[in-house]
Amino acid sequence: MRTTGLLGGAFDPPHHGHVALADAAIAHFDLVRLLVIPTGVAPHKHVETDAETRCRLAAAAFAGRPRVEISRWEIERGEPSYTIETTRWAKQLYGDIVFLVGADQFASLHAWKDPEEVLRLARLGVATRPGYEREELERLRQTLPDPSRVELFEIPPWPVSSTEVRDRLRRGQPVDGLVPPPVAALIAELGLYGARDVRGRGVH
């Protein structure tokens, strides 16, 4: 079966945790392709950086991975992007799809727009990570009408968040080991998140 993975998010900025999730999902689900889909208009969260810049950051983060493609679908819609709409679009275009989410996103599945329809159209691949007990995720999975539509998979522990990266940059602290080097270089070049010097004194 030729399965396409979907990895959405603000990517404000993308970090090593995003890349680790993508690599683990490609291997676990034997994905023929993985679409990285930067959010255009985020319906539920504040996004600091414009969509075009975040798309560039995502492209820098995943450059050189042959099965990863950057999708501009949500950006070009110009409307708030809900999982159900992205899922319908991808299902029509690619057939078998798996929507990749973190454990925290899966824990809030009940608050999604049309979660049952999302699970009808796509499987969910839930990345387990520190802070969420696998047993608790399994308990949540078993409460669904069709638990087989959700599959847990493990990713290497990367205790990093986009918020932490932005905060460190504002304080002038290095982000070595938190973001891929091409992302750090682009942040410095564009002076994002308070990065103070394009030659790297604000981004190391």
C-alpha atoms as a PDB file:
ATOM      1  CA  MET A   1       0.000   0.000   0.000  1.00  0.00           C
ATOM      2  CA  ARG A   2       1.335   3.416  -0.982  1.00  0.00           C
ATOM      3  CA  THR A   3       0.714   5.537   2.092  1.00  0.00           C
ATOM      4  CA  THR A   4       1.170   9.303   2.311  1.00  0.00           C
ATOM      5  CA  GLY A   5       1.903  10.928   5.652  1.00  0.00           C
ATOM      6  CA  LEU A   6       0.706  14.393   6.635  1.00  0.00           C
ATOM      7  CA  LEU A   7       2.618  16.509   9.152  1.00  0.00           C
ATOM      8  CA  GLY A   8       1.028  19.867   9.833  1.00  0.00           C
ATOM      9  CA  GLY A   9       2.012  22.625  12.194  1.00  0.00           C
ATOM     10  CA  ALA A  10       2.983  26.240  12.574  1.00  0.00           C
ATOM     11  CA  PHE A  11       6.734  25.459  12.334  1.00  0.00           C
ATOM     12  CA  ASP A  12       7.455  28.745  14.126  1.00  0.00           C
ATOM     13  CA  PRO A  13      10.282  27.700  13.945  1.00  0.00           C
ATOM     14  CA  PRO A  14      10.744  24.002  13.053  1.00  0.00           C
ATOM     15  CA  HIS A  15      13.134  22.160  15.352  1.00  0.00           C
ATOM     16  CA  HIS A  16      14.845  18.787  15.709  1.00  0.00           C
ATOM     17  CA  GLY A  17      11.731  17.298  17.310  1.00  0.00           C
ATOM     18  CA  HIS A  18       9.764  17.876  14.102  1.00  0.00           C
ATOM     19  CA  VAL A  19      12.492  16.264  12.021  1.00  0.00           C
ATOM     20  CA  ALA A  20      12.777  13.286  14.387  1.00  0.00           C
ATOM     21  CA  LEU A  21       9.013  12.751  14.191  1.00  0.00           C
ATOM     22  CA  ALA A  22       9.117  12.843  10.385  1.00  0.00           C
ATOM     23  CA  ASP A  23      12.017  10.391  10.138  1.00  0.00           C
ATOM     24  CA  ALA A  24      10.412   7.969  12.582  1.00  0.00           C
ATOM     25  CA  ALA A  25       7.053   8.124  10.795  1.00  0.00           C
ATOM     26  CA  ILE A  26       8.578   7.491   7.365  1.00  0.00           C
ATOM     27  CA  ALA A  27      10.293   4.385   8.699  1.00  0.00           C
ATOM     28  CA  HIS A  28       7.400   3.109  10.841  1.00  0.00           C
ATOM     29  CA  PHE A  29       4.635   3.518   8.253  1.00  0.00           C
ATOM     30  CA  ASP A  30       6.866   2.942   5.209  1.00  0.00           C
ATOM     31  CA  LEU A  31       5.558   6.187   3.725  1.00  0.00           C
ATOM     32  CA  VAL A  32       5.921   6.762   0.008  1.00  0.00           C
ATOM     33  CA  ARG A  33       5.915  10.478   0.775  1.00  0.00           C
ATOM     34  CA  LEU A  34       5.545  12.772   3.742  1.00  0.00           C
ATOM     35  CA  LEU A  35       3.849  16.120   3.220  1.00  0.00           C
ATOM     36  CA  VAL A  36       5.001  18.817   5.625  1.00  0.00           C
ATOM     37  CA  ILE A  37       2.125  21.315   5.683  1.00  0.00           C
ATOM     38  CA  PRO A  38       2.814  24.682   7.337  1.00  0.00           C
ATOM     39  CA  THR A  39      -0.309  26.277   8.757  1.00  0.00           C
ATOM     40  CA  GLY A  40      -1.600  29.250   6.805  1.00  0.00           C
ATOM     41  CA  VAL A  41      -4.109  30.876   9.151  1.00  0.00           C
ATOM     42  CA  ALA A  42      -3.993  29.133  12.529  1.00  0.00           C
ATOM     43  CA  PRO A  43      -7.524  28.829  13.999  1.00  0.00           C
ATOM     44  CA  HIS A  44      -6.567  28.239  17.626  1.00  0.00           C
ATOM     45  CA  LYS A  45      -3.110  29.670  18.317  1.00  0.00           C
ATOM     46  CA  HIS A  46      -1.080  32.817  17.892  1.00  0.00           C
ATOM     47  CA  VAL A  47       1.623  32.525  15.247  1.00  0.00           C
ATOM     48  CA  GLU A  48       4.425  35.084  15.358  1.00  0.00           C
ATOM     49  CA  THR A  49       5.899  34.678  11.879  1.00  0.00           C
ATOM     50  CA  ASP A  50       4.183  35.106   8.526  1.00  0.00           C
ATOM     51  CA  ALA A  51       3.250  32.008   6.555  1.00  0.00           C
ATOM     52  CA  GLU A  52       5.741  32.497   3.724  1.00  0.00           C
ATOM     53  CA  THR A  53       8.642  32.760   6.165  1.00  0.00           C
ATOM     54  CA  ARG A  54       7.518  29.684   8.097  1.00  0.00           C
ATOM     55  CA  CYS A  55       7.299  27.806   4.808  1.00  0.00           C
ATOM     56  CA  ARG A  56      10.916  28.764   4.074  1.00  0.00           C
ATOM     57  CA  LEU A  57      11.936  27.619   7.539  1.00  0.00           C
ATOM     58  CA  ALA A  58      10.184  24.272   7.036  1.00  0.00           C
ATOM     59  CA  ALA A  59      11.891  23.802   3.672  1.00  0.00           C
ATOM     60  CA  ALA A  60      15.247  24.490   5.340  1.00  0.00           C
ATOM     61  CA  ALA A  61      14.526  22.021   8.149  1.00  0.00           C
ATOM     62  CA  PHE A  62      13.653  19.132   5.843  1.00  0.00           C
ATOM     63  CA  ALA A  63      16.018  19.850   2.947  1.00  0.00           C
ATOM     64  CA  GLY A  64      17.718  16.752   1.542  1.00  0.00           C
ATOM     65  CA  ARG A  65      15.132  14.202   2.716  1.00  0.00           C
ATOM     66  CA  PRO A  66      14.005  12.467  -0.484  1.00  0.00           C
ATOM     67  CA  ARG A  67      10.518  11.419   0.654  1.00  0.00           C
ATOM     68  CA  VAL A  68       9.617  14.731   2.278  1.00  0.00           C
ATOM     69  CA  GLU A  69       7.710  17.411   0.361  1.00  0.00           C
ATOM     70  CA  ILE A  70       6.677  20.865   1.564  1.00  0.00           C
ATOM     71  CA  SER A  71       3.004  21.548   0.812  1.00  0.00           C
ATOM     72  CA  ARG A  72       1.659  25.085   0.414  1.00  0.00           C
ATOM     73  CA  TRP A  73      -1.969  23.952   0.422  1.00  0.00           C
ATOM     74  CA  GLU A  74      -3.000  25.515   3.735  1.00  0.00           C
ATOM     75  CA  ILE A  75      -1.038  28.692   3.026  1.00  0.00           C
ATOM     76  CA  GLU A  76      -2.628  29.225  -0.367  1.00  0.00           C
ATOM     77  CA  ARG A  77      -6.145  28.673   0.974  1.00  0.00           C
ATOM     78  CA  GLY A  78      -5.857  31.881   2.970  1.00  0.00           C
ATOM     79  CA  GLU A  79      -8.459  30.667   5.483  1.00  0.00           C
ATOM     80  CA  PRO A  80      -8.279  29.087   8.943  1.00  0.00           C
ATOM     81  CA  SER A  81      -6.970  25.563   8.497  1.00  0.00           C
ATOM     82  CA  TYR A  82      -8.697  22.727  10.304  1.00  0.00           C
ATOM     83  CA  THR A  83      -7.461  19.141  10.241  1.00  0.00           C
ATOM     84  CA  ILE A  84     -10.689  17.906   8.652  1.00  0.00           C
ATOM     85  CA  GLU A  85     -10.301  20.155   5.603  1.00  0.00           C
ATOM     86  CA  THR A  86      -6.673  19.213   5.052  1.00  0.00           C
ATOM     87  CA  THR A  87      -7.585  15.555   5.476  1.00  0.00           C
ATOM     88  CA  ARG A  88     -10.369  15.728   2.869  1.00  0.00           C
ATOM     89  CA  TRP A  89      -8.015  17.397   0.393  1.00  0.00           C
ATOM     90  CA  ALA A  90      -5.234  14.856   0.927  1.00  0.00           C
ATOM     91  CA  LYS A  91      -7.579  11.862   0.846  1.00  0.00           C
ATOM     92  CA  GLN A  92      -8.925  12.876  -2.546  1.00  0.00           C
ATOM     93  CA  LEU A  93      -5.447  13.456  -3.933  1.00  0.00           C
ATOM     94  CA  TYR A  94      -3.414  10.610  -2.422  1.00  0.00           C
ATOM     95  CA  GLY A  95      -5.794   7.864  -1.254  1.00  0.00           C
ATOM     96  CA  ASP A  96      -4.336   6.110   1.775  1.00  0.00           C
ATOM     97  CA  ILE A  97      -3.152   8.716   4.285  1.00  0.00           C
ATOM     98  CA  VAL A  98      -1.941   8.836   7.855  1.00  0.00           C
ATOM     99  CA  PHE A  99      -2.143  12.108   9.782  1.00  0.00           C
ATOM    100  CA  LEU A 100       0.790  12.476  12.149  1.00  0.00           C
ATOM    101  CA  VAL A 101       0.249  14.132  15.519  1.00  0.00           C
ATOM    102  CA  GLY A 102       1.974  14.431  18.844  1.00  0.00           C
ATOM    103  CA  ALA A 103       0.650  12.840  21.994  1.00  0.00           C
ATOM    104  CA  ASP A 104      -0.642  16.187  23.257  1.00  0.00           C
ATOM    105  CA  GLN A 105      -2.680  16.722  20.090  1.00  0.00           C
ATOM    106  CA  PHE A 106      -4.142  13.233  20.320  1.00  0.00           C
ATOM    107  CA  ALA A 107      -5.113  13.858  23.939  1.00  0.00           C
ATOM    108  CA  SER A 108      -7.277  16.778  22.753  1.00  0.00           C
ATOM    109  CA  LEU A 109      -8.908  14.833  19.898  1.00  0.00           C
ATOM    110  CA  HIS A 110     -12.388  15.433  21.344  1.00  0.00           C
ATOM    111  CA  ALA A 111     -11.927  19.177  20.768  1.00  0.00           C
ATOM    112  CA  TRP A 112     -11.091  18.829  17.066  1.00  0.00           C
ATOM    113  CA  LYS A 113     -13.555  19.834  14.382  1.00  0.00           C
ATOM    114  CA  ASP A 114     -15.350  16.647  13.163  1.00  0.00           C
ATOM    115  CA  PRO A 115     -12.889  14.180  14.747  1.00  0.00           C
ATOM    116  CA  GLU A 116     -14.937  11.136  13.740  1.00  0.00           C
ATOM    117  CA  GLU A 117     -14.818  12.218  10.094  1.00  0.00           C
ATOM    118  CA  VAL A 118     -11.061  12.763  10.347  1.00  0.00           C
ATOM    119  CA  LEU A 119     -10.672   9.182  11.591  1.00  0.00           C
ATOM    120  CA  ARG A 120     -12.919   7.871   8.821  1.00  0.00           C
ATOM    121  CA  LEU A 121     -10.776   9.501   6.144  1.00  0.00           C
ATOM    122  CA  ALA A 122      -7.337   8.989   7.637  1.00  0.00           C
ATOM    123  CA  ARG A 123      -5.484   6.945  10.175  1.00  0.00           C
ATOM    124  CA  LEU A 124      -3.798   8.818  12.972  1.00  0.00           C
ATOM    125  CA  GLY A 125      -0.148   8.186  13.727  1.00  0.00           C
ATOM    126  CA  VAL A 126       0.492   9.299  17.303  1.00  0.00           C
ATOM    127  CA  ALA A 127       4.092   9.975  18.249  1.00  0.00           C
ATOM    128  CA  THR A 128       4.868   8.993  21.824  1.00  0.00           C
ATOM    129  CA  ARG A 129       7.252  11.283  23.659  1.00  0.00           C
ATOM    130  CA  PRO A 130       8.334  12.202  27.196  1.00  0.00           C
ATOM    131  CA  GLY A 131       5.550  13.584  29.367  1.00  0.00           C
ATOM    132  CA  TYR A 132       2.799  11.254  28.165  1.00  0.00           C
ATOM    133  CA  GLU A 133       2.463   7.727  29.457  1.00  0.00           C
ATOM    134  CA  ARG A 134       1.959   5.215  26.673  1.00  0.00           C
ATOM    135  CA  GLU A 135      -0.616   3.421  28.821  1.00  0.00           C
ATOM    136  CA  GLU A 136      -2.717   6.591  29.015  1.00  0.00           C
ATOM    137  CA  LEU A 137      -2.550   7.060  25.249  1.00  0.00           C
ATOM    138  CA  GLU A 138      -3.611   3.455  24.774  1.00  0.00           C
ATOM    139  CA  ARG A 139      -6.548   4.017  27.129  1.00  0.00           C
ATOM    140  CA  LEU A 140      -7.645   7.017  25.044  1.00  0.00           C
ATOM    141  CA  ARG A 141      -7.268   4.989  21.870  1.00  0.00           C
ATOM    142  CA  GLN A 142      -9.552   2.270  23.215  1.00  0.00           C
ATOM    143  CA  THR A 143     -12.353   4.779  23.852  1.00  0.00           C
ATOM    144  CA  LEU A 144     -12.673   5.465  20.100  1.00  0.00           C
ATOM    145  CA  PRO A 145     -15.350   3.768  17.962  1.00  0.00           C
ATOM    146  CA  ASP A 146     -12.591   2.130  15.884  1.00  0.00           C
ATOM    147  CA  PRO A 147      -9.290   2.017  17.785  1.00  0.00           C
ATOM    148  CA  SER A 148      -7.568   0.465  14.775  1.00  0.00           C
ATOM    149  CA  ARG A 149      -7.649   3.882  13.084  1.00  0.00           C
ATOM    150  CA  VAL A 150      -5.020   5.108  15.567  1.00  0.00           C
ATOM    151  CA  GLU A 151      -1.496   3.728  15.803  1.00  0.00           C
ATOM    152  CA  LEU A 152       1.141   4.738  18.335  1.00  0.00           C
ATOM    153  CA  PHE A 153       4.772   4.945  17.289  1.00  0.00           C
ATOM    154  CA  GLU A 154       7.872   5.959  19.185  1.00  0.00           C
ATOM    155  CA  ILE A 155      10.164   8.849  18.345  1.00  0.00           C
ATOM    156  CA  PRO A 156      13.584   9.639  19.823  1.00  0.00           C
ATOM    157  CA  PRO A 157      13.263  11.986  22.801  1.00  0.00           C
ATOM    158  CA  TRP A 158      13.857  15.588  21.783  1.00  0.00           C
ATOM    159  CA  PRO A 159      12.806  17.774  24.732  1.00  0.00           C
ATOM    160  CA  VAL A 160      12.469  20.956  22.679  1.00  0.00           C
ATOM    161  CA  SER A 161       9.609  23.223  21.639  1.00  0.00           C
ATOM    162  CA  SER A 162       9.281  26.131  19.249  1.00  0.00           C
ATOM    163  CA  THR A 163       8.437  28.343  22.228  1.00  0.00           C
ATOM    164  CA  GLU A 164      11.741  27.438  23.892  1.00  0.00           C
ATOM    165  CA  VAL A 165      13.667  28.193  20.688  1.00  0.00           C
ATOM    166  CA  ARG A 166      12.017  31.610  20.331  1.00  0.00           C
ATOM    167  CA  ASP A 167      12.640  32.451  23.987  1.00  0.00           C
ATOM    168  CA  ARG A 168      16.313  31.514  23.787  1.00  0.00           C
ATOM    169  CA  LEU A 169      16.801  33.619  20.668  1.00  0.00           C
ATOM    170  CA  ARG A 170      15.181  36.632  22.322  1.00  0.00           C
ATOM    171  CA  ARG A 171      17.598  36.251  25.219  1.00  0.00           C
ATOM    172  CA  GLY A 172      20.521  36.025  22.827  1.00  0.00           C
ATOM    173  CA  GLN A 173      21.232  32.430  23.823  1.00  0.00           C
ATOM    174  CA  PRO A 174      22.488  29.727  21.436  1.00  0.00           C
ATOM    175  CA  VAL A 175      20.117  27.207  19.870  1.00  0.00           C
ATOM    176  CA  ASP A 176      22.736  24.605  18.999  1.00  0.00           C
ATOM    177  CA  GLY A 177      21.191  21.167  19.047  1.00  0.00           C
ATOM    178  CA  LEU A 178      17.638  22.516  19.037  1.00  0.00           C
ATOM    179  CA  VAL A 179      17.123  23.380  15.366  1.00  0.00           C
ATOM    180  CA  PRO A 180      18.762  22.052  12.180  1.00  0.00           C
ATOM    181  CA  PRO A 181      21.725  24.230  11.108  1.00  0.00           C
ATOM    182  CA  PRO A 182      19.970  25.485   7.924  1.00  0.00           C
ATOM    183  CA  VAL A 183      17.088  26.725  10.097  1.00  0.00           C
ATOM    184  CA  ALA A 184      19.479  28.544  12.441  1.00  0.00           C
ATOM    185  CA  ALA A 185      21.193  30.131   9.438  1.00  0.00           C
ATOM    186  CA  LEU A 186      17.896  31.343   7.963  1.00  0.00           C
ATOM    187  CA  ILE A 187      16.725  32.716  11.308  1.00  0.00           C
ATOM    188  CA  ALA A 188      19.970  34.670  11.561  1.00  0.00           C
ATOM    189  CA  GLU A 189      19.775  35.888   7.973  1.00  0.00           C
ATOM    190  CA  LEU A 190      16.227  37.189   8.428  1.00  0.00           C
ATOM    191  CA  GLY A 191      16.696  38.413  12.003  1.00  0.00           C
ATOM    192  CA  LEU A 192      13.750  36.405  13.313  1.00  0.00           C
ATOM    193  CA  TYR A 193      12.703  36.050  16.954  1.00  0.00           C
ATOM    194  CA  GLY A 194      15.073  38.756  18.101  1.00  0.00           C
ATOM    195  CA  ALA A 195      18.127  37.160  16.485  1.00  0.00           C
ATOM    196  CA  ARG A 196      20.514  40.073  16.810  1.00  0.00           C
ATOM    197  CA  ASP A 197      23.155  39.594  14.174  1.00  0.00           C
ATOM    198  CA  VAL A 198      23.065  37.995  10.728  1.00  0.00           C
ATOM    199  CA  ARG A 199      26.664  36.854  11.234  1.00  0.00           C
ATOM    200  CA  GLY A 200      25.520  34.636  14.057  1.00  0.00           C
ATOM    201  CA  ARG A 201      26.149  36.379  17.365  1.00  0.00           C
ATOM    202  CA  GLY A 202      22.449  36.041  18.138  1.00  0.00           C
ATOM    203  CA  VAL A 203      22.133  32.561  16.629  1.00  0.00           C
ATOM    204  CA  HIS A 204      24.828  29.954  17.272  1.00  0.00           C
END
